[in-house]
């Protein structure tokens, strides 16, 4: 099952400004080619038939570690871990309750 607000890398796309300004449906809706071009993380994940990078046995790989180490991206590994442990739907409900 693909979730429109779940970035395969652990990104939470629900509040992304590019959803509205660029009409981006996220990597799930574009086969790994969001508004800015092809995403190597998403295409790798898709090629392995995973919903998100956290399902990969190699996770976190060098590509994911590099992306997570960029300023402001530290939370993506936490998201991936939570999606594995409780599932995306439960994670989304908990996140919405916190807001």
PDB file of N, CA and C in Angstrom:
ATOM      1  N   UNK A   1       0.845  -1.180   0.000  1.00  0.00           N
ATOM      2  CA  UNK A   1       0.000   0.000   0.000  1.00  0.00           C
ATOM      3  C   UNK A   1       0.886   1.237   0.000  1.00  0.00           C
ATOM      4  N   UNK A   2       0.587   2.196  -0.825  1.00  0.00           N
ATOM      5  CA  UNK A   2       1.352   3.427  -0.899  1.00  0.00           C
ATOM      6  C   UNK A   2       0.574   4.548  -0.230  1.00  0.00           C
ATOM      7  N   UNK A   3       1.285   5.325   0.569  1.00  0.00           N
ATOM      8  CA  UNK A   3       0.678   6.443   1.277  1.00  0.00           C
ATOM      9  C   UNK A   3       1.149   7.748   0.644  1.00  0.00           C
ATOM     10  N   UNK A   4       0.238   8.635   0.267  1.00  0.00           N
ATOM     11  CA  UNK A   4       0.630   9.836  -0.470  1.00  0.00           C
ATOM     12  C   UNK A   4       1.505  10.808   0.315  1.00  0.00           C
ATOM     13  N   UNK A   5       1.453  10.796   1.622  1.00  0.00           N
ATOM     14  CA  UNK A   5       2.233  11.746   2.402  1.00  0.00           C
ATOM     15  C   UNK A   5       3.500  11.134   2.978  1.00  0.00           C
ATOM     16  N   UNK A   6       3.782   9.885   2.669  1.00  0.00           N
ATOM     17  CA  UNK A   6       4.953   9.206   3.193  1.00  0.00           C
ATOM     18  C   UNK A   6       6.052   9.223   2.137  1.00  0.00           C
ATOM     19  N   UNK A   7       7.089  10.024   2.395  1.00  0.00           N
ATOM     20  CA  UNK A   7       8.249   9.988   1.514  1.00  0.00           C
ATOM     21  C   UNK A   7       9.002   8.691   1.762  1.00  0.00           C
ATOM     22  N   UNK A   8       9.461   8.063   0.750  1.00  0.00           N
ATOM     23  CA  UNK A   8      10.141   6.779   0.901  1.00  0.00           C
ATOM     24  C   UNK A   8      11.385   6.878   1.769  1.00  0.00           C
ATOM     25  N   UNK A   9      11.953   8.092   1.877  1.00  0.00           N
ATOM     26  CA  UNK A   9      13.159   8.322   2.668  1.00  0.00           C
ATOM     27  C   UNK A   9      12.851   8.602   4.138  1.00  0.00           C
ATOM     28  N   UNK A  10      11.569   8.732   4.482  1.00  0.00           N
ATOM     29  CA  UNK A  10      11.209   9.076   5.850  1.00  0.00           C
ATOM     30  C   UNK A  10      10.691  10.495   5.972  1.00  0.00           C
ATOM     31  N   UNK A  11      10.643  11.176   4.860  1.00  0.00           N
ATOM     32  CA  UNK A  11      10.134  12.550   4.828  1.00  0.00           C
ATOM     33  C   UNK A  11       8.624  12.531   5.026  1.00  0.00           C
ATOM     34  N   UNK A  12       8.140  13.466   5.833  1.00  0.00           N
ATOM     35  CA  UNK A  12       6.697  13.644   6.021  1.00  0.00           C
ATOM     36  C   UNK A  12       6.247  14.708   5.037  1.00  0.00           C
ATOM     37  N   UNK A  13       5.609  14.304   3.973  1.00  0.00           N
ATOM     38  CA  UNK A  13       5.251  15.214   2.890  1.00  0.00           C
ATOM     39  C   UNK A  13       3.922  15.943   3.104  1.00  0.00           C
ATOM     40  N   UNK A  14       3.215  15.632   4.170  1.00  0.00           N
ATOM     41  CA  UNK A  14       1.896  16.237   4.345  1.00  0.00           C
ATOM     42  C   UNK A  14       1.949  17.761   4.357  1.00  0.00           C
ATOM     43  N   UNK A  15       2.885  18.337   5.055  1.00  0.00           N
ATOM     44  CA  UNK A  15       2.956  19.790   5.147  1.00  0.00           C
ATOM     45  C   UNK A  15       3.930  20.443   4.192  1.00  0.00           C
ATOM     46  N   UNK A  16       4.419  19.711   3.230  1.00  0.00           N
ATOM     47  CA  UNK A  16       5.421  20.251   2.306  1.00  0.00           C
ATOM     48  C   UNK A  16       4.826  21.357   1.447  1.00  0.00           C
ATOM     49  N   UNK A  17       5.540  22.489   1.377  1.00  0.00           N
ATOM     50  CA  UNK A  17       5.067  23.627   0.580  1.00  0.00           C
ATOM     51  C   UNK A  17       5.000  23.299  -0.904  1.00  0.00           C
ATOM     52  N   UNK A  18       5.765  22.333  -1.363  1.00  0.00           N
ATOM     53  CA  UNK A  18       5.796  21.984  -2.781  1.00  0.00           C
ATOM     54  C   UNK A  18       4.567  21.188  -3.218  1.00  0.00           C
ATOM     55  N   UNK A  19       3.839  20.643  -2.269  1.00  0.00           N
ATOM     56  CA  UNK A  19       2.600  19.938  -2.623  1.00  0.00           C
ATOM     57  C   UNK A  19       1.644  20.913  -3.293  1.00  0.00           C
ATOM     58  N   UNK A  20       1.555  22.108  -2.743  1.00  0.00           N
ATOM     59  CA  UNK A  20       0.641  23.116  -3.295  1.00  0.00           C
ATOM     60  C   UNK A  20       1.306  23.947  -4.385  1.00  0.00           C
ATOM     61  N   UNK A  21       2.480  24.505  -4.085  1.00  0.00           N
ATOM     62  CA  UNK A  21       3.099  25.444  -5.025  1.00  0.00           C
ATOM     63  C   UNK A  21       3.554  24.785  -6.321  1.00  0.00           C
ATOM     64  N   UNK A  22       4.001  23.544  -6.253  1.00  0.00           N
ATOM     65  CA  UNK A  22       4.493  22.854  -7.445  1.00  0.00           C
ATOM     66  C   UNK A  22       3.603  21.696  -7.876  1.00  0.00           C
ATOM     67  N   UNK A  23       2.518  21.447  -7.130  1.00  0.00           N
ATOM     68  CA  UNK A  23       1.625  20.342  -7.463  1.00  0.00           C
ATOM     69  C   UNK A  23       2.283  18.984  -7.308  1.00  0.00           C
ATOM     70  N   UNK A  24       3.229  18.886  -6.406  1.00  0.00           N
ATOM     71  CA  UNK A  24       3.977  17.637  -6.228  1.00  0.00           C
ATOM     72  C   UNK A  24       3.173  16.635  -5.405  1.00  0.00           C
ATOM     73  N   UNK A  25       2.935  15.458  -5.933  1.00  0.00           N
ATOM     74  CA  UNK A  25       2.252  14.426  -5.163  1.00  0.00           C
ATOM     75  C   UNK A  25       3.209  13.568  -4.335  1.00  0.00           C
ATOM     76  N   UNK A  26       4.481  13.944  -4.289  1.00  0.00           N
ATOM     77  CA  UNK A  26       5.459  13.170  -3.529  1.00  0.00           C
ATOM     78  C   UNK A  26       6.036  12.039  -4.343  1.00  0.00           C
ATOM     79  N   UNK A  27       7.036  11.387  -3.776  1.00  0.00           N
ATOM     80  CA  UNK A  27       7.713  10.315  -4.528  1.00  0.00           C
ATOM     81  C   UNK A  27       6.802   9.107  -4.742  1.00  0.00           C
ATOM     82  N   UNK A  28       5.858   8.906  -3.838  1.00  0.00           N
ATOM     83  CA  UNK A  28       4.941   7.770  -4.022  1.00  0.00           C
ATOM     84  C   UNK A  28       4.049   7.964  -5.231  1.00  0.00           C
ATOM     85  N   UNK A  29       3.683   9.214  -5.501  1.00  0.00           N
ATOM     86  CA  UNK A  29       2.796   9.502  -6.625  1.00  0.00           C
ATOM     87  C   UNK A  29       3.508   9.778  -7.933  1.00  0.00           C
ATOM     88  N   UNK A  30       4.839   9.792  -7.904  1.00  0.00           N
ATOM     89  CA  UNK A  30       5.595  10.117  -9.112  1.00  0.00           C
ATOM     90  C   UNK A  30       6.620   9.052  -9.480  1.00  0.00           C
ATOM     91  N   UNK A  31       6.527   7.894  -8.882  1.00  0.00           N
ATOM     92  CA  UNK A  31       7.501   6.825  -9.119  1.00  0.00           C
ATOM     93  C   UNK A  31       8.933   7.284  -8.879  1.00  0.00           C
ATOM     94  N   UNK A  32       9.121   8.066  -7.817  1.00  0.00           N
ATOM     95  CA  UNK A  32      10.458   8.487  -7.428  1.00  0.00           C
ATOM     96  C   UNK A  32      10.981   9.708  -8.160  1.00  0.00           C
ATOM     97  N   UNK A  33      10.084  10.428  -8.836  1.00  0.00           N
ATOM     98  CA  UNK A  33      10.499  11.625  -9.575  1.00  0.00           C
ATOM     99  C   UNK A  33       9.636  12.811  -9.143  1.00  0.00           C
ATOM    100  N   UNK A  34       9.863  13.325  -7.920  1.00  0.00           N
ATOM    101  CA  UNK A  34       9.074  14.465  -7.453  1.00  0.00           C
ATOM    102  C   UNK A  34       9.383  15.728  -8.262  1.00  0.00           C
ATOM    103  N   UNK A  35       8.836  16.845  -7.851  1.00  0.00           N
ATOM    104  CA  UNK A  35       8.913  18.096  -8.612  1.00  0.00           C
ATOM    105  C   UNK A  35      10.327  18.493  -9.015  1.00  0.00           C
ATOM    106  N   UNK A  36      11.331  18.089  -8.271  1.00  0.00           N
ATOM    107  CA  UNK A  36      12.704  18.533  -8.531  1.00  0.00           C
ATOM    108  C   UNK A  36      13.509  17.565  -9.384  1.00  0.00           C
ATOM    109  N   UNK A  37      12.992  16.386  -9.688  1.00  0.00           N
ATOM    110  CA  UNK A  37      13.710  15.419 -10.520  1.00  0.00           C
ATOM    111  C   UNK A  37      13.750  14.043  -9.887  1.00  0.00           C
ATOM    112  N   UNK A  38      14.579  13.173 -10.428  1.00  0.00           N
ATOM    113  CA  UNK A  38      14.646  11.800  -9.930  1.00  0.00           C
ATOM    114  C   UNK A  38      15.359  11.728  -8.579  1.00  0.00           C
ATOM    115  N   UNK A  39      14.750  11.044  -7.648  1.00  0.00           N
ATOM    116  CA  UNK A  39      15.318  10.853  -6.316  1.00  0.00           C
ATOM    117  C   UNK A  39      15.962   9.468  -6.258  1.00  0.00           C
ATOM    118  N   UNK A  40      17.255   9.443  -6.011  1.00  0.00           N
ATOM    119  CA  UNK A  40      17.970   8.162  -5.965  1.00  0.00           C
ATOM    120  C   UNK A  40      17.505   7.277  -4.812  1.00  0.00           C
ATOM    121  N   UNK A  41      17.118   7.900  -3.690  1.00  0.00           N
ATOM    122  CA  UNK A  41      16.602   7.116  -2.568  1.00  0.00           C
ATOM    123  C   UNK A  41      15.280   6.455  -2.935  1.00  0.00           C
ATOM    124  N   UNK A  42      14.382   7.236  -3.528  1.00  0.00           N
ATOM    125  CA  UNK A  42      13.067   6.696  -3.893  1.00  0.00           C
ATOM    126  C   UNK A  42      13.178   5.621  -4.964  1.00  0.00           C
ATOM    127  N   UNK A  43      13.989   5.864  -5.989  1.00  0.00           N
ATOM    128  CA  UNK A  43      14.088   4.861  -7.052  1.00  0.00           C
ATOM    129  C   UNK A  43      14.742   3.577  -6.553  1.00  0.00           C
ATOM    130  N   UNK A  44      15.690   3.698  -5.636  1.00  0.00           N
ATOM    131  CA  UNK A  44      16.294   2.503  -5.026  1.00  0.00           C
ATOM    132  C   UNK A  44      15.231   1.726  -4.243  1.00  0.00           C
ATOM    133  N   UNK A  45      14.463   2.441  -3.450  1.00  0.00           N
ATOM    134  CA  UNK A  45      13.410   1.834  -2.633  1.00  0.00           C
ATOM    135  C   UNK A  45      12.361   1.140  -3.519  1.00  0.00           C
ATOM    136  N   UNK A  46      11.969   1.808  -4.571  1.00  0.00           N
ATOM    137  CA  UNK A  46      10.985   1.252  -5.506  1.00  0.00           C
ATOM    138  C   UNK A  46      11.540  -0.005  -6.167  1.00  0.00           C
ATOM    139  N   UNK A  47      12.813   0.033  -6.558  1.00  0.00           N
ATOM    140  CA  UNK A  47      13.406  -1.127  -7.232  1.00  0.00           C
ATOM    141  C   UNK A  47      13.441  -2.352  -6.326  1.00  0.00           C
ATOM    142  N   UNK A  48      13.476  -2.112  -5.020  1.00  0.00           N
ATOM    143  CA  UNK A  48      13.484  -3.218  -4.054  1.00  0.00           C
ATOM    144  C   UNK A  48      12.075  -3.562  -3.569  1.00  0.00           C
ATOM    145  N   UNK A  49      11.080  -2.881  -4.121  1.00  0.00           N
ATOM    146  CA  UNK A  49       9.665  -3.089  -3.815  1.00  0.00           C
ATOM    147  C   UNK A  49       9.329  -2.838  -2.340  1.00  0.00           C
ATOM    148  N   UNK A  50       9.951  -1.805  -1.781  1.00  0.00           N
ATOM    149  CA  UNK A  50       9.659  -1.387  -0.416  1.00  0.00           C
ATOM    150  C   UNK A  50       8.777  -0.142  -0.435  1.00  0.00           C
ATOM    151  N   UNK A  51       7.965   0.015   0.594  1.00  0.00           N
ATOM    152  CA  UNK A  51       7.182   1.241   0.731  1.00  0.00           C
ATOM    153  C   UNK A  51       8.065   2.400   1.174  1.00  0.00           C
ATOM    154  N   UNK A  52       9.056   2.102   2.011  1.00  0.00           N
ATOM    155  CA  UNK A  52       9.970   3.126   2.495  1.00  0.00           C
ATOM    156  C   UNK A  52      11.318   2.490   2.815  1.00  0.00           C
ATOM    157  N   UNK A  53      12.325   3.341   2.935  1.00  0.00           N
ATOM    158  CA  UNK A  53      13.707   2.870   3.128  1.00  0.00           C
ATOM    159  C   UNK A  53      13.885   2.071   4.424  1.00  0.00           C
ATOM    160  N   UNK A  54      13.064   2.304   5.402  1.00  0.00           N
ATOM    161  CA  UNK A  54      13.181   1.588   6.666  1.00  0.00           C
ATOM    162  C   UNK A  54      12.919   0.100   6.540  1.00  0.00           C
ATOM    163  N   UNK A  55      12.306  -0.333   5.459  1.00  0.00           N
ATOM    164  CA  UNK A  55      12.036  -1.747   5.252  1.00  0.00           C
ATOM    165  C   UNK A  55      13.219  -2.491   4.629  1.00  0.00           C
ATOM    166  N   UNK A  56      14.219  -1.754   4.207  1.00  0.00           N
ATOM    167  CA  UNK A  56      15.379  -2.351   3.545  1.00  0.00           C
ATOM    168  C   UNK A  56      16.334  -2.945   4.568  1.00  0.00           C
ATOM    169  N   UNK A  57      16.876  -4.108   4.275  1.00  0.00           N
ATOM    170  CA  UNK A  57      17.832  -4.752   5.166  1.00  0.00           C
ATOM    171  C   UNK A  57      19.141  -3.966   5.262  1.00  0.00           C
ATOM    172  N   UNK A  58      19.410  -3.122   4.278  1.00  0.00           N
ATOM    173  CA  UNK A  58      20.627  -2.307   4.273  1.00  0.00           C
ATOM    174  C   UNK A  58      20.435  -0.956   4.964  1.00  0.00           C
ATOM    175  N   UNK A  59      19.260  -0.701   5.456  1.00  0.00           N
ATOM    176  CA  UNK A  59      18.951   0.599   6.046  1.00  0.00           C
ATOM    177  C   UNK A  59      19.565   0.750   7.433  1.00  0.00           C
ATOM    178  N   UNK A  60      20.143   1.881   7.723  1.00  0.00           N
ATOM    179  CA  UNK A  60      20.351   3.010   6.819  1.00  0.00           C
ATOM    180  C   UNK A  60      21.615   2.810   5.989  1.00  0.00           C
ATOM    181  N   UNK A  61      21.468   2.962   4.704  1.00  0.00           N
ATOM    182  CA  UNK A  61      22.597   2.832   3.782  1.00  0.00           C
ATOM    183  C   UNK A  61      23.354   4.155   3.727  1.00  0.00           C
ATOM    184  N   UNK A  62      24.424   4.191   2.975  1.00  0.00           N
ATOM    185  CA  UNK A  62      25.241   5.407   2.865  1.00  0.00           C
ATOM    186  C   UNK A  62      24.440   6.566   2.284  1.00  0.00           C
ATOM    187  N   UNK A  63      23.587   6.284   1.273  1.00  0.00           N
ATOM    188  CA  UNK A  63      22.780   7.351   0.663  1.00  0.00           C
ATOM    189  C   UNK A  63      21.809   7.937   1.687  1.00  0.00           C
ATOM    190  N   UNK A  64      21.160   7.065   2.451  1.00  0.00           N
ATOM    191  CA  UNK A  64      20.192   7.528   3.444  1.00  0.00           C
ATOM    192  C   UNK A  64      20.899   8.260   4.582  1.00  0.00           C
ATOM    193  N   UNK A  65      22.027   7.745   5.024  1.00  0.00           N
ATOM    194  CA  UNK A  65      22.803   8.427   6.064  1.00  0.00           C
ATOM    195  C   UNK A  65      23.211   9.824   5.624  1.00  0.00           C
ATOM    196  N   UNK A  66      23.644   9.936   4.379  1.00  0.00           N
ATOM    197  CA  UNK A  66      24.057  11.244   3.857  1.00  0.00           C
ATOM    198  C   UNK A  66      22.881  12.221   3.862  1.00  0.00           C
ATOM    199  N   UNK A  67      21.734  11.766   3.398  1.00  0.00           N
ATOM    200  CA  UNK A  67      20.546  12.629   3.368  1.00  0.00           C
ATOM    201  C   UNK A  67      20.105  12.999   4.784  1.00  0.00           C
ATOM    202  N   UNK A  68      20.123  12.043   5.688  1.00  0.00           N
ATOM    203  CA  UNK A  68      19.702  12.294   7.073  1.00  0.00           C
ATOM    204  C   UNK A  68      20.649  13.245   7.790  1.00  0.00           C
ATOM    205  N   UNK A  69      21.897  13.310   7.353  1.00  0.00           N
ATOM    206  CA  UNK A  69      22.869  14.182   8.013  1.00  0.00           C
ATOM    207  C   UNK A  69      22.781  15.631   7.549  1.00  0.00           C
ATOM    208  N   UNK A  70      22.003  15.903   6.497  1.00  0.00           N
ATOM    209  CA  UNK A  70      21.827  17.281   6.042  1.00  0.00           C
ATOM    210  C   UNK A  70      21.017  18.054   7.087  1.00  0.00           C
ATOM    211  N   UNK A  71      21.293  19.347   7.232  1.00  0.00           N
ATOM    212  CA  UNK A  71      20.577  20.151   8.230  1.00  0.00           C
ATOM    213  C   UNK A  71      19.056  20.035   8.079  1.00  0.00           C
ATOM    214  N   UNK A  72      18.402  19.766   9.184  1.00  0.00           N
ATOM    215  CA  UNK A  72      16.946  19.669   9.201  1.00  0.00           C
ATOM    216  C   UNK A  72      16.378  18.320   8.834  1.00  0.00           C
ATOM    217  N   UNK A  73      17.215  17.338   8.527  1.00  0.00           N
ATOM    218  CA  UNK A  73      16.721  16.031   8.092  1.00  0.00           C
ATOM    219  C   UNK A  73      16.917  14.921   9.114  1.00  0.00           C
ATOM    220  N   UNK A  74      17.387  15.251  10.301  1.00  0.00           N
ATOM    221  CA  UNK A  74      17.676  14.231  11.295  1.00  0.00           C
ATOM    222  C   UNK A  74      16.480  13.389  11.701  1.00  0.00           C
ATOM    223  N   UNK A  75      15.289  13.932  11.550  1.00  0.00           N
ATOM    224  CA  UNK A  75      14.073  13.227  11.972  1.00  0.00           C
ATOM    225  C   UNK A  75      13.673  12.085  11.043  1.00  0.00           C
ATOM    226  N   UNK A  76      14.209  12.027   9.831  1.00  0.00           N
ATOM    227  CA  UNK A  76      13.719  11.018   8.887  1.00  0.00           C
ATOM    228  C   UNK A  76      14.010   9.598   9.356  1.00  0.00           C
ATOM    229  N   UNK A  77      15.141   9.388  10.006  1.00  0.00           N
ATOM    230  CA  UNK A  77      15.443   8.045  10.514  1.00  0.00           C
ATOM    231  C   UNK A  77      14.484   7.661  11.633  1.00  0.00           C
ATOM    232  N   UNK A  78      14.084   8.646  12.442  1.00  0.00           N
ATOM    233  CA  UNK A  78      13.090   8.394  13.493  1.00  0.00           C
ATOM    234  C   UNK A  78      11.747   8.022  12.869  1.00  0.00           C
ATOM    235  N   UNK A  79      11.365   8.731  11.814  1.00  0.00           N
ATOM    236  CA  UNK A  79      10.114   8.412  11.125  1.00  0.00           C
ATOM    237  C   UNK A  79      10.143   6.989  10.578  1.00  0.00           C
ATOM    238  N   UNK A  80      11.246   6.626   9.919  1.00  0.00           N
ATOM    239  CA  UNK A  80      11.349   5.279   9.343  1.00  0.00           C
ATOM    240  C   UNK A  80      11.246   4.212  10.422  1.00  0.00           C
ATOM    241  N   UNK A  81      11.898   4.448  11.540  1.00  0.00           N
ATOM    242  CA  UNK A  81      11.845   3.485  12.652  1.00  0.00           C
ATOM    243  C   UNK A  81      10.410   3.351  13.160  1.00  0.00           C
ATOM    244  N   UNK A  82       9.736   4.474  13.336  1.00  0.00           N
ATOM    245  CA  UNK A  82       8.349   4.448  13.818  1.00  0.00           C
ATOM    246  C   UNK A  82       7.428   3.763  12.816  1.00  0.00           C
ATOM    247  N   UNK A  83       7.617   4.021  11.523  1.00  0.00           N
ATOM    248  CA  UNK A  83       6.774   3.385  10.512  1.00  0.00           C
ATOM    249  C   UNK A  83       6.943   1.882  10.538  1.00  0.00           C
ATOM    250  N   UNK A  84       8.146   1.409  10.828  1.00  0.00           N
ATOM    251  CA  UNK A  84       8.374  -0.034  10.955  1.00  0.00           C
ATOM    252  C   UNK A  84       7.730  -0.589  12.217  1.00  0.00           C
ATOM    253  N   UNK A  85       7.849   0.147  13.322  1.00  0.00           N
ATOM    254  CA  UNK A  85       7.385  -0.357  14.619  1.00  0.00           C
ATOM    255  C   UNK A  85       5.869  -0.301  14.780  1.00  0.00           C
ATOM    256  N   UNK A  86       5.254   0.832  14.424  1.00  0.00           N
ATOM    257  CA  UNK A  86       3.808   0.976  14.667  1.00  0.00           C
ATOM    258  C   UNK A  86       2.991   1.121  13.394  1.00  0.00           C
ATOM    259  N   UNK A  87       3.641   1.304  12.262  1.00  0.00           N
ATOM    260  CA  UNK A  87       2.938   1.479  10.995  1.00  0.00           C
ATOM    261  C   UNK A  87       2.670   2.950  10.722  1.00  0.00           C
ATOM    262  N   UNK A  88       2.531   3.250   9.456  1.00  0.00           N
ATOM    263  CA  UNK A  88       2.341   4.640   9.039  1.00  0.00           C
ATOM    264  C   UNK A  88       1.040   5.229   9.583  1.00  0.00           C
ATOM    265  N   UNK A  89      -0.051   4.471   9.501  1.00  0.00           N
ATOM    266  CA  UNK A  89      -1.349   5.003   9.941  1.00  0.00           C
ATOM    267  C   UNK A  89      -1.329   5.385  11.419  1.00  0.00           C
ATOM    268  N   UNK A  90      -0.783   4.528  12.274  1.00  0.00           N
ATOM    269  CA  UNK A  90      -0.706   4.829  13.706  1.00  0.00           C
ATOM    270  C   UNK A  90       0.229   6.005  13.948  1.00  0.00           C
ATOM    271  N   UNK A  91       1.326   6.079  13.212  1.00  0.00           N
ATOM    272  CA  UNK A  91       2.253   7.199  13.337  1.00  0.00           C
ATOM    273  C   UNK A  91       1.562   8.508  12.970  1.00  0.00           C
ATOM    274  N   UNK A  92       0.808   8.499  11.860  1.00  0.00           N
ATOM    275  CA  UNK A  92       0.096   9.711  11.409  1.00  0.00           C
ATOM    276  C   UNK A  92      -0.932  10.149  12.447  1.00  0.00           C
ATOM    277  N   UNK A  93      -1.683   9.184  13.004  1.00  0.00           N
ATOM    278  CA  UNK A  93      -2.676   9.538  14.039  1.00  0.00           C
ATOM    279  C   UNK A  93      -1.997  10.175  15.226  1.00  0.00           C
ATOM    280  N   UNK A  94      -0.894   9.578  15.692  1.00  0.00           N
ATOM    281  CA  UNK A  94      -0.172  10.123  16.846  1.00  0.00           C
ATOM    282  C   UNK A  94       0.374  11.509  16.536  1.00  0.00           C
ATOM    283  N   UNK A  95       0.892  11.706  15.350  1.00  0.00           N
ATOM    284  CA  UNK A  95       1.427  13.009  14.952  1.00  0.00           C
ATOM    285  C   UNK A  95       0.315  14.045  14.900  1.00  0.00           C
ATOM    286  N   UNK A  96      -0.837  13.683  14.373  1.00  0.00           N
ATOM    287  CA  UNK A  96      -1.969  14.622  14.290  1.00  0.00           C
ATOM    288  C   UNK A  96      -2.489  14.971  15.687  1.00  0.00           C
ATOM    289  N   UNK A  97      -2.438  14.014  16.607  1.00  0.00           N
ATOM    290  CA  UNK A  97      -2.890  14.277  17.977  1.00  0.00           C
ATOM    291  C   UNK A  97      -1.945  15.241  18.689  1.00  0.00           C
ATOM    292  N   UNK A  98      -0.661  15.225  18.325  1.00  0.00           N
ATOM    293  CA  UNK A  98       0.319  16.121  18.926  1.00  0.00           C
ATOM    294  C   UNK A  98       0.153  17.549  18.456  1.00  0.00           C
ATOM    295  N   UNK A  99      -0.442  17.718  17.286  1.00  0.00           N
ATOM    296  CA  UNK A  99      -0.578  19.068  16.694  1.00  0.00           C
ATOM    297  C   UNK A  99      -1.670  19.870  17.349  1.00  0.00           C
TER     298      UNK A  99
END
